[in-house]
Amino acid sequence: MNYYEMQEAVSDAEKTLRFADIATKNIARMLVGRLRKVGNSYHETDILISLKRELKSFNSTTRTWK
C-alpha cells in the first residue's frame, strides 16, 4: 500500500464514520419503546447490558455526557 492508497483508505473510513453517526441518530429515535423486544438471546442481552452501561454516562438533567 502506498501513501496515496493509505490516504484514500483513511478518507473512506472517515466518510463511513460520518454516515454511521447520522444513522445512529436516526436509529436512536426508532429504538424508543422498542428495546423490550430485545433480549431473547444471550447475545442480545449483552447488547442491552452494553447500552445500559453507556447510558450511565448521560446526565438526563443537564442533557450532557460526562
Protein backbone atom coordinates (compact mmCIF):
# COMPACT_ATOMS: atom_id res chain seq x y z
CA MET A 1 0.00 0.00 0.00
CA ASN A 2 1.44 3.35 -0.97
CA TYR A 3 0.83 6.73 0.65
CA TYR A 4 -1.98 7.70 -1.77
CA GLU A 5 -3.83 4.43 -1.15
CA MET A 6 -3.46 4.89 2.61
CA GLN A 7 -4.84 8.45 2.42
CA GLU A 8 -7.76 7.20 0.33
CA ALA A 9 -8.48 4.42 2.83
CA VAL A 10 -8.43 6.89 5.74
CA SER A 11 -10.74 9.24 3.83
CA ASP A 12 -13.15 6.37 3.13
CA ALA A 13 -13.09 5.37 6.82
CA GLU A 14 -13.86 8.95 7.90
CA LYS A 15 -16.76 9.11 5.44
CA THR A 16 -18.10 5.79 6.75
CA LEU A 17 -17.93 7.06 10.35
CA ARG A 18 -19.82 10.25 9.41
CA PHE A 19 -22.56 8.15 7.81
CA ALA A 20 -22.60 5.86 10.87
CA ASP A 21 -23.06 8.89 13.16
CA ILE A 22 -26.05 10.05 11.10
CA ALA A 23 -27.52 6.54 11.08
CA THR A 24 -27.05 6.26 14.87
CA LYS A 25 -29.14 9.38 15.44
CA ASN A 26 -31.92 8.02 13.23
CA ILE A 27 -31.79 4.57 14.82
CA ALA A 28 -31.91 6.03 18.35
CA ARG A 29 -35.29 7.59 17.57
CA MET A 30 -36.60 4.25 16.37
CA LEU A 31 -35.38 2.42 19.49
CA VAL A 32 -37.60 4.36 21.89
CA GLY A 33 -40.33 1.98 23.03
CA ARG A 34 -38.87 -1.00 21.17
CA LEU A 35 -36.00 -2.11 23.40
CA ARG A 36 -38.23 -4.54 25.33
CA LYS A 37 -38.32 -6.69 22.20
CA VAL A 38 -34.55 -7.22 22.55
CA GLY A 39 -33.12 -9.74 24.99
CA ASN A 40 -34.35 -13.10 23.75
CA SER A 41 -30.84 -14.48 23.37
CA TYR A 42 -27.56 -14.29 25.26
CA HIS A 43 -26.04 -12.05 22.56
CA GLU A 44 -28.99 -9.63 22.65
CA THR A 45 -28.77 -9.46 26.43
CA ASP A 46 -25.11 -8.49 26.13
CA ILE A 47 -26.10 -5.66 23.80
CA LEU A 48 -28.66 -4.38 26.30
CA ILE A 49 -26.08 -4.50 29.09
CA SER A 50 -23.65 -2.50 26.95
CA LEU A 51 -26.32 0.07 26.11
CA LYS A 52 -27.24 0.49 29.77
CA ARG A 53 -23.59 0.88 30.74
CA GLU A 54 -23.13 3.53 28.02
CA LEU A 55 -26.22 5.47 29.11
CA LYS A 56 -24.93 5.72 32.69
CA SER A 57 -22.58 8.39 31.33
CA PHE A 58 -25.50 10.54 30.19
CA ASN A 59 -26.95 13.08 32.62
CA SER A 60 -30.64 13.43 31.76
CA THR A 61 -30.99 16.53 33.94
CA THR A 62 -28.29 18.55 32.21
CA ARG A 63 -28.66 16.63 28.93
CA THR A 64 -24.91 16.20 28.64
CA TRP A 65 -22.43 13.34 28.59
CA LYS A 66 -19.99 13.01 31.48
